[in-house]
Each structure stands twice: as C-alpha cells, then as structure tokens.
Amino acid sequence: MTGQAPRLDIRNLTRRYGGRAVVDDVSLSVMPGQVTCLLGPSGCGKSTTLRMIAGVETQDSGVVLVDGQPISDGVRNLPPEQRQIGLMFQDFALFPHLSVADNVGFGLKGPRAEVRARVEEMLARVDLGRFIDAWPHELSGGEQQRVALARALAPRPRIMLMDEPFSGLDNRLRDGIRDETLDVLKEAGTAVLLVTHEPEEAMRMADEIALMRDGRIVQMGAPYNIYNAPVDREAVAFFSDINVIRGVVRGALTETPFGQFLAPGVPDGAAVDIVIRPQHLKIDFDRNGSGPLPTARDGTPARGIVQRARFMGNESLVEFRMDHDGSLIRATVPNVFLPRPGKPLWLTMRRDRCFVFPAKA
C-alpha cells in the first residue's frame, strides 16, 4: 500500500564488545508481509542484530521502531514481552513436560476457552490439529518446528525474528517446511526478519536480502539484484564459486588472454580482478591447436588442459590448467560432461556475466 509505514524500522544500530563494533551502524526496514533476510558468514553480527531488536540485548546507539513508534532508542526500552515480536531459533525449545496444546498456548492470556480456541486455530494452520494432545517427543523434527511456529504466531506478533530456524532439519524436509512456514507468515501479514548464513535459503525465502560483513550491511536488494549486480568480489563469492583473473588497466581497458574487458573509472596502471562464475564459462573443442573464433559476446578463447572432471548430480565440474599462466580455472556444464585428464579444450567468458572490481591486495 502506498505510503504504508514499515512494520519494523531499525536505524543506525550499533553494538560494541570490548571496543570492537560487532554491529556497526546497521539500518533496514521491513514492511508487513515482507520477508527480509540478514545474510552473512558466522560472526558478522546477524544474530546480535536480532537480539537487539528482540530486546534481549541493548544497543549502544541507534533506534528500533515498530509501526513508526520507538521501542528502543536509548531513552525508552520496552522489555521483550511488550514488543509484540515473535522469536524462532534453530533450537525449537519446546517444553518437554508440556503437551503440544500447552506449548502453543504458553504465554497466552485470557479465558481458558479462548486460549484453547486460539491453540486449535494455530495448529490447524500448520496442519497439526491431530497432535494437539501429543507430547513433543512423539513428534518428528519437522512437526516440532511447525509447533514452534504455531507457538510463535499464537500471540499475534507484528514481527517475527527467525535465527537459522531450519538448519536443524533433515535436508529432505527443509524445503517443504520452509515453504509451509513462509505461506503461514505471509498469510498472517507478519513482517519477518530471517537470519541465515546459507545463500540458497536467503534466495528461496527472502523478498529482500541484506548482505552483512564485519558488522555492516554491504549491500541490500532483491535476490535477483544481489546475485546479478554484486557490490564487490566478496559478494560474488558468497553466493557461488568464482574464477578470478588479474589484469592491469590501460585506457579504461584491461587486456587478458580472454580478450579486452572494460574498466570504466579505474585509473591507468591500477590492477583489477575480473570475476566470473564457473557456470558462465563456455567450453569448446580443440581443433588441431586452434579454438573458436573470437566474438563480441564471448571474447577471445584461451586454451586449458583438463586436470579433472567430476559429475555432481545435475552438472559436471571440470578443472583446467590454463596454458597462458598455469592458473586453475573451474567450469560447470549441465548434465554429464567428463573429458579425460590431459585433454586440451578452449574456454571463453560471457562478457555480460563478468564482473570487474579493483584488485584486492
């Protein structure tokens, strides 16, 4: 809705331990019904950010607002139970001595009949009504996760904070449980902030991704944009394997064995890293020492010798030792392609799939 205020809005959130900023000037907003993912490696500040929003940890500076109202700003600091924020973690933390019904109803206030009705409603939404009187140990891991979701949603939170909630599930169950959880949260119009270190999970679930590194958000946007317009070399590498070719700029161009690459705005003499993902390399056959002709789209071919080839299930990974400098380059090919070690082949790079960044020392 045009003009709608963010359900969750955090501004310049900072937290220091021993003089080091674990969370450093983090700002983001989440609309009702939106899923935003805090994505980054372990130790980058994701979970600390979540704890400050939940109120179980206090920021050194910055503001947390819910529906435009500050709930934590250095002056006012609402306790966690008054923030209308739900929490889900990797450990489902169901009470083993309470039935499923009592777990879901834990913390709900009001007449017993109303609490029971709300419990029945929430268990029906996660398709577990038949287990209302069961005990947690009688449920599978996926069923326990759905009970935890029902319990978190029962108090009608305006915001749901989720910290690696699916990492404890078997891979065979994970995708289905994630999709079911997402459906329930969106149906309820809940603003969701999800923490994960898994790019695939972020791409699958998020409407928007905030990529974190060393306590800061380095890039934010829709999954498509984050993947296809990365801010730097590390952002490319976080989502997939990469190949890197070092070059030097002359007149806004970098000359390489794969042809010229544009490097606008980079001063002459500066080194750049040309980054390409393995799936965007094109492999062609050797024709008595010659490769395919250069094209505007794919540039100049460079020859490599196959070191090894492995079938990975839905693609084949082929590693090459390049003739021009002895470097190792990896390419992936859909389906089965297993050339023998020692075989010469030619590689070209899709120009529209390459990224050029200032070189890292």
Protein backbone atom coordinates (compact mmCIF):
# COMPACT_ATOMS: atom_id res chain seq x y z
CA MET A 1 0.00 0.00 0.00
CA THR A 2 1.39 3.38 -1.00
CA GLY A 3 2.55 5.43 1.98
CA GLN A 4 2.41 2.47 4.36
CA ALA A 5 4.92 2.72 7.19
CA PRO A 6 7.44 -0.07 7.75
CA ARG A 7 6.38 -2.58 10.35
CA LEU A 8 9.98 -2.81 11.55
CA ASP A 9 12.46 0.03 11.14
CA ILE A 10 15.96 -0.01 12.61
CA ARG A 11 18.22 2.99 12.26
CA ASN A 12 21.98 3.19 12.83
CA LEU A 13 22.03 0.24 15.24
CA THR A 14 25.46 -0.25 16.82
CA ARG A 15 26.76 -2.71 19.43
CA ARG A 16 30.33 -2.88 20.72
CA TYR A 17 32.13 -5.55 22.72
CA GLY A 18 35.48 -4.58 24.20
CA GLY A 19 35.74 -1.55 21.97
CA ARG A 20 35.03 -3.53 18.77
CA ALA A 21 31.85 -2.83 16.80
CA VAL A 22 30.14 -6.20 16.35
CA VAL A 23 27.16 -4.43 14.76
CA ASP A 24 28.19 -1.19 13.08
CA ASP A 25 25.59 1.41 12.03
CA VAL A 26 23.02 -1.07 10.66
CA SER A 27 19.80 0.31 9.18
CA LEU A 28 16.96 -1.53 7.44
CA SER A 29 13.17 -1.68 7.30
CA VAL A 30 10.65 -4.49 6.82
CA MET A 31 7.09 -3.99 5.60
CA PRO A 32 4.08 -6.05 6.79
CA GLY A 33 4.05 -9.39 4.98
CA GLN A 34 7.63 -8.94 3.78
CA VAL A 35 10.49 -11.37 4.39
CA THR A 36 13.90 -9.72 4.72
CA CYS A 37 16.96 -11.89 5.18
CA LEU A 38 20.11 -10.92 7.06
CA LEU A 39 22.67 -13.00 5.19
CA GLY A 40 26.32 -13.33 6.01
CA PRO A 41 29.08 -15.54 7.41
CA SER A 42 29.17 -16.65 11.04
CA GLY A 43 30.32 -13.86 13.34
CA CYS A 44 29.27 -10.98 11.09
CA GLY A 45 26.71 -9.56 13.56
CA LYS A 46 23.46 -11.06 12.28
CA SER A 47 22.28 -12.71 15.50
CA THR A 48 23.38 -9.76 17.64
CA THR A 49 21.21 -7.51 15.46
CA LEU A 50 18.26 -9.83 16.04
CA ARG A 51 18.82 -9.89 19.81
CA MET A 52 18.82 -6.10 19.97
CA ILE A 53 15.55 -5.92 18.02
CA ALA A 54 14.03 -8.55 20.34
CA GLY A 55 15.16 -6.62 23.42
CA VAL A 56 17.29 -9.36 24.93
CA GLU A 57 20.36 -7.22 24.28
CA THR A 58 20.71 -3.43 24.39
CA GLN A 59 22.30 -1.42 21.61
CA ASP A 60 25.00 1.17 22.29
CA SER A 61 23.33 3.55 19.84
CA GLY A 62 20.57 3.57 17.27
CA VAL A 63 16.78 3.24 17.28
CA VAL A 64 14.33 0.36 16.86
CA LEU A 65 10.82 1.34 15.72
CA VAL A 66 7.69 -0.78 15.29
CA ASP A 67 4.90 0.74 13.19
CA GLY A 68 6.69 4.08 13.43
CA GLN A 69 6.89 4.07 17.24
CA PRO A 70 10.26 3.78 19.00
CA ILE A 71 10.51 0.73 21.26
CA SER A 72 14.22 1.17 21.99
CA ASP A 73 16.04 4.45 21.47
CA GLY A 74 18.42 4.97 24.38
CA VAL A 75 15.68 6.61 26.46
CA ARG A 76 12.76 4.22 26.10
CA ASN A 77 13.50 0.50 26.12
CA LEU A 78 10.46 -1.77 26.14
CA PRO A 79 11.04 -5.21 27.69
CA PRO A 80 10.90 -8.15 25.25
CA GLU A 81 7.46 -9.34 26.32
CA GLN A 82 5.90 -5.96 25.44
CA ARG A 83 7.34 -5.64 21.94
CA GLN A 84 4.85 -7.92 20.11
CA ILE A 85 7.78 -9.68 18.48
CA GLY A 86 7.88 -13.43 17.93
CA LEU A 87 11.10 -15.44 18.03
CA MET A 88 12.12 -18.67 16.34
CA PHE A 89 15.54 -20.24 16.67
CA GLN A 90 17.44 -23.30 15.44
CA ASP A 91 16.59 -24.99 18.74
CA PHE A 92 12.79 -25.23 18.74
CA ALA A 93 12.87 -25.11 22.56
CA LEU A 94 9.58 -26.88 23.12
CA PHE A 95 8.88 -27.63 26.77
CA PRO A 96 9.15 -31.44 27.08
CA HIS A 97 6.87 -31.58 30.12
CA LEU A 98 4.03 -29.74 28.34
CA SER A 99 1.66 -31.10 25.70
CA VAL A 100 1.58 -29.62 22.21
CA ALA A 101 -1.51 -27.62 23.21
CA ASP A 102 0.18 -26.23 26.32
CA ASN A 103 3.33 -25.39 24.35
CA VAL A 104 1.36 -23.41 21.77
CA GLY A 105 -0.74 -21.74 24.45
CA PHE A 106 2.22 -20.88 26.68
CA GLY A 107 2.16 -17.17 27.41
CA LEU A 108 -1.35 -16.60 26.04
CA LYS A 109 -3.65 -14.71 28.41
CA GLY A 110 -7.41 -14.78 28.70
CA PRO A 111 -10.21 -17.25 29.48
CA ARG A 112 -9.28 -20.89 29.05
CA ALA A 113 -11.84 -21.41 26.27
CA GLU A 114 -10.40 -18.51 24.25
CA VAL A 115 -6.85 -19.78 24.71
CA ARG A 116 -7.90 -23.28 23.61
CA ALA A 117 -9.67 -21.86 20.55
CA ARG A 118 -6.55 -19.91 19.56
CA VAL A 119 -4.37 -23.00 20.03
CA GLU A 120 -6.70 -25.07 17.85
CA GLU A 121 -6.71 -22.35 15.20
CA MET A 122 -2.90 -22.14 15.06
CA LEU A 123 -2.38 -25.91 14.99
CA ALA A 124 -4.91 -26.17 12.16
CA ARG A 125 -2.94 -23.56 10.20
CA VAL A 126 0.20 -25.69 10.40
CA ASP A 127 -1.79 -28.90 9.76
CA LEU A 128 -1.10 -30.40 13.19
CA GLY A 129 -4.54 -30.31 14.78
CA ARG A 130 -4.46 -34.09 15.29
CA PHE A 131 -1.44 -33.72 17.59
CA ILE A 132 -2.99 -31.19 19.96
CA ASP A 133 -2.76 -33.53 22.95
CA ALA A 134 0.52 -35.20 21.97
CA TRP A 135 3.88 -34.69 23.67
CA PRO A 136 6.89 -33.08 21.93
CA HIS A 137 8.94 -36.30 22.00
CA GLU A 138 6.22 -38.01 19.96
CA LEU A 139 6.73 -35.61 17.04
CA SER A 140 9.26 -35.60 14.22
CA GLY A 141 11.73 -32.74 13.83
CA GLY A 142 9.62 -31.14 11.12
CA GLU A 143 6.47 -31.41 13.24
CA GLN A 144 8.26 -29.86 16.23
CA GLN A 145 9.35 -26.96 14.02
CA ARG A 146 5.74 -26.36 12.97
CA VAL A 147 4.61 -26.45 16.60
CA ALA A 148 7.29 -23.85 17.38
CA LEU A 149 5.93 -21.72 14.53
CA ALA A 150 2.38 -22.05 15.85
CA ARG A 151 3.55 -21.07 19.34
CA ALA A 152 5.43 -18.04 17.99
CA LEU A 153 2.40 -16.87 15.98
CA ALA A 154 -0.24 -17.54 18.64
CA PRO A 155 0.18 -14.16 20.42
CA ARG A 156 -0.32 -12.40 17.06
CA PRO A 157 3.14 -10.80 16.84
CA ARG A 158 3.57 -7.94 14.42
CA ILE A 159 7.13 -9.07 13.70
CA MET A 160 8.79 -12.48 13.54
CA LEU A 161 12.53 -12.82 14.12
CA MET A 162 13.99 -16.11 12.89
CA ASP A 163 17.57 -17.15 13.62
CA GLU A 164 18.66 -20.15 11.50
CA PRO A 165 15.31 -21.84 12.25
CA PHE A 166 15.63 -24.60 9.65
CA SER A 167 19.27 -25.60 9.98
CA GLY A 168 18.47 -28.45 12.37
CA LEU A 169 16.14 -30.15 9.89
CA ASP A 170 16.97 -33.00 7.56
CA ASN A 171 17.67 -31.73 4.04
CA ARG A 172 14.79 -33.79 2.66
CA LEU A 173 12.33 -31.97 4.93
CA ARG A 174 13.83 -28.49 4.86
CA ASP A 175 12.46 -27.13 1.59
CA GLY A 176 8.90 -28.21 2.31
CA ILE A 177 8.94 -26.89 5.88
CA ARG A 178 10.42 -23.56 4.73
CA ASP A 179 7.72 -23.13 2.11
CA GLU A 180 4.94 -24.02 4.54
CA THR A 181 6.33 -21.60 7.14
CA LEU A 182 6.59 -18.82 4.58
CA ASP A 183 2.98 -19.34 3.50
CA VAL A 184 1.71 -19.10 7.08
CA LEU A 185 3.74 -15.97 7.85
CA LYS A 186 2.68 -14.16 4.68
CA GLU A 187 -0.94 -15.12 5.22
CA ALA A 188 -0.75 -13.53 8.69
CA GLY A 189 0.82 -10.35 7.27
CA THR A 190 3.76 -10.71 9.64
CA ALA A 191 6.96 -8.79 8.97
CA VAL A 192 9.77 -11.35 9.01
CA LEU A 193 13.48 -10.81 9.62
CA LEU A 194 15.33 -14.06 8.95
CA VAL A 195 18.98 -14.70 9.80
CA THR A 196 20.91 -17.28 7.82
CA HIS A 197 24.40 -17.99 6.51
CA GLU A 198 23.05 -20.05 3.61
CA PRO A 199 22.67 -18.12 0.33
CA GLU A 200 20.27 -20.72 -1.09
CA GLU A 201 17.90 -20.28 1.86
CA ALA A 202 18.00 -16.50 1.50
CA MET A 203 17.33 -16.68 -2.24
CA ARG A 204 14.45 -19.11 -1.67
CA MET A 205 12.68 -17.22 1.11
CA ALA A 206 13.51 -13.53 1.00
CA ASP A 207 11.79 -10.64 -0.71
CA GLU A 208 14.87 -8.61 0.15
CA ILE A 209 18.39 -9.61 1.21
CA ALA A 210 20.70 -7.55 3.43
CA LEU A 211 24.21 -8.90 2.94
CA MET A 212 26.29 -8.43 6.10
CA ARG A 213 30.04 -8.49 6.58
CA ASP A 214 32.10 -7.44 9.62
CA GLY A 215 29.11 -5.92 11.37
CA ARG A 216 27.89 -3.80 8.45
CA ILE A 217 25.35 -4.19 5.67
CA VAL A 218 27.41 -4.04 2.48
CA GLN A 219 24.53 -4.49 0.01
CA MET A 220 20.75 -4.65 0.14
CA GLY A 221 18.21 -5.52 -2.53
CA ALA A 222 16.03 -8.14 -4.14
CA PRO A 223 17.66 -11.58 -4.51
CA TYR A 224 17.94 -11.19 -8.29
CA ASN A 225 19.75 -7.87 -7.97
CA ILE A 226 22.07 -9.02 -5.19
CA TYR A 227 23.10 -12.04 -7.28
CA ASN A 228 23.43 -10.32 -10.65
CA ALA A 229 24.77 -6.91 -9.59
CA PRO A 230 27.11 -7.70 -6.67
CA VAL A 231 28.84 -4.81 -4.96
CA ASP A 232 32.28 -6.42 -4.79
CA ARG A 233 34.27 -9.61 -5.33
CA GLU A 234 33.38 -10.98 -1.87
CA ALA A 235 29.67 -10.56 -2.62
CA VAL A 236 30.03 -12.67 -5.78
CA ALA A 237 31.99 -15.33 -3.90
CA PHE A 238 29.43 -15.57 -1.10
CA PHE A 239 26.79 -16.90 -3.49
CA SER A 240 28.92 -19.23 -5.61
CA ASP A 241 32.38 -20.41 -6.55
CA ILE A 242 34.30 -17.90 -8.62
CA ASN A 243 37.23 -17.67 -11.01
CA VAL A 244 39.44 -14.57 -10.78
CA ILE A 245 41.74 -13.18 -13.47
CA ARG A 246 44.07 -10.31 -12.56
CA GLY A 247 44.65 -7.54 -15.10
CA VAL A 248 46.02 -4.00 -15.37
CA VAL A 249 44.02 -1.08 -16.77
CA ARG A 250 45.22 0.89 -19.77
CA GLY A 251 42.87 3.50 -21.17
CA ALA A 252 39.80 2.07 -19.35
CA LEU A 253 40.55 -1.36 -20.87
CA THR A 254 42.14 -4.46 -19.38
CA GLU A 255 43.98 -6.80 -21.73
CA THR A 256 43.82 -10.51 -20.82
CA PRO A 257 44.27 -13.85 -22.59
CA PHE A 258 40.45 -13.84 -22.85
CA GLY A 259 40.44 -10.51 -24.69
CA GLN A 260 39.75 -6.98 -23.50
CA PHE A 261 37.49 -6.05 -20.61
CA LEU A 262 36.05 -2.62 -19.91
CA ALA A 263 37.10 -0.99 -16.64
CA PRO A 264 35.47 2.46 -16.69
CA GLY A 265 36.52 4.86 -13.97
CA VAL A 266 39.60 2.85 -12.98
CA PRO A 267 42.87 4.81 -13.32
CA ASP A 268 45.59 3.69 -15.70
CA GLY A 269 48.07 1.28 -14.15
CA ALA A 270 45.60 0.06 -11.50
CA ALA A 271 45.11 -3.68 -11.07
CA VAL A 272 41.63 -5.16 -11.37
CA ASP A 273 40.07 -8.54 -10.65
CA ILE A 274 37.87 -9.95 -13.39
CA VAL A 275 35.43 -12.34 -11.71
CA ILE A 276 33.27 -14.97 -13.39
CA ARG A 277 31.24 -17.86 -12.01
CA PRO A 278 32.03 -21.39 -13.27
CA GLN A 279 28.60 -21.79 -14.89
CA HIS A 280 29.19 -18.79 -17.14
CA LEU A 281 32.28 -20.17 -18.85
CA LYS A 282 31.81 -21.73 -22.27
CA ILE A 283 33.83 -24.80 -23.28
CA ASP A 284 34.76 -25.58 -26.89
CA PHE A 285 36.80 -28.31 -28.54
CA ASP A 286 40.41 -28.08 -29.69
CA ARG A 287 40.82 -28.15 -33.48
CA ASN A 288 44.46 -29.09 -34.10
CA GLY A 289 45.71 -26.41 -31.73
CA SER A 290 43.08 -23.82 -32.61
CA GLY A 291 39.92 -22.77 -30.85
CA PRO A 292 36.74 -20.98 -31.91
CA LEU A 293 36.85 -17.51 -33.41
CA PRO A 294 36.52 -14.52 -31.05
CA THR A 295 33.07 -12.95 -30.70
CA ALA A 296 31.78 -9.74 -29.12
CA ARG A 297 29.70 -11.75 -26.66
CA ASP A 298 32.27 -14.35 -25.58
CA GLY A 299 35.57 -12.57 -26.26
CA THR A 300 38.80 -14.37 -27.14
CA PRO A 301 39.17 -18.09 -26.38
CA ALA A 302 42.04 -19.30 -24.17
CA ARG A 303 43.26 -22.89 -24.06
CA GLY A 304 43.46 -25.06 -20.95
CA ILE A 305 44.30 -28.68 -20.17
CA VAL A 306 41.75 -30.75 -18.27
CA GLN A 307 43.03 -31.66 -14.80
CA ARG A 308 39.96 -33.49 -13.55
CA ALA A 309 36.23 -33.77 -14.21
CA ARG A 310 33.56 -34.79 -11.73
CA PHE A 311 29.84 -35.42 -12.04
CA MET A 312 27.96 -33.51 -9.32
CA GLY A 313 24.41 -34.79 -9.85
CA ASN A 314 22.83 -32.12 -12.04
CA GLU A 315 26.03 -30.73 -13.52
CA SER A 316 29.66 -31.62 -14.22
CA LEU A 317 32.61 -29.71 -12.77
CA VAL A 318 35.70 -29.51 -14.99
CA GLU A 319 39.02 -28.06 -13.79
CA PHE A 320 41.53 -26.66 -16.28
CA ARG A 321 45.20 -25.70 -16.04
CA MET A 322 45.48 -22.69 -18.34
CA ASP A 323 48.26 -22.55 -20.95
CA HIS A 324 48.91 -18.83 -20.58
CA ASP A 325 49.87 -18.72 -16.89
CA GLY A 326 49.34 -22.14 -15.33
CA SER A 327 46.37 -20.91 -13.28
CA LEU A 328 43.48 -23.22 -12.37
CA ILE A 329 40.02 -22.36 -13.72
CA ARG A 330 36.81 -24.24 -12.96
CA ALA A 331 33.83 -24.53 -15.28
CA THR A 332 30.49 -26.26 -14.78
CA VAL A 333 28.39 -27.85 -17.51
CA PRO A 334 24.78 -29.06 -17.22
CA ASN A 335 24.32 -32.83 -17.19
CA VAL A 336 27.22 -35.22 -17.88
CA PHE A 337 30.46 -33.94 -19.42
CA LEU A 338 33.56 -35.82 -18.30
CA PRO A 339 36.56 -35.16 -20.58
CA ARG A 340 39.65 -37.18 -19.74
CA PRO A 341 42.58 -35.54 -17.87
CA GLY A 342 45.17 -34.11 -20.25
CA LYS A 343 42.65 -33.22 -22.94
CA PRO A 344 43.07 -29.68 -24.37
CA LEU A 345 39.90 -27.57 -24.55
CA TRP A 346 39.16 -23.89 -25.08
CA LEU A 347 37.33 -21.56 -22.72
CA THR A 348 35.51 -18.30 -23.37
CA MET A 349 33.93 -15.88 -20.92
CA ARG A 350 30.48 -14.40 -21.29
CA ARG A 351 31.08 -10.64 -21.23
CA ASP A 352 27.65 -9.94 -19.75
CA ARG A 353 28.36 -12.34 -16.87
CA CYS A 354 31.76 -10.99 -15.84
CA PHE A 355 32.35 -8.52 -13.00
CA VAL A 356 35.33 -6.15 -12.87
CA PHE A 357 36.43 -4.85 -9.45
CA PRO A 358 39.51 -3.06 -8.11
CA ALA A 359 42.01 -5.75 -7.21
CA LYS A 360 42.40 -6.92 -3.65
CA ALA A 361 45.94 -6.81 -2.29
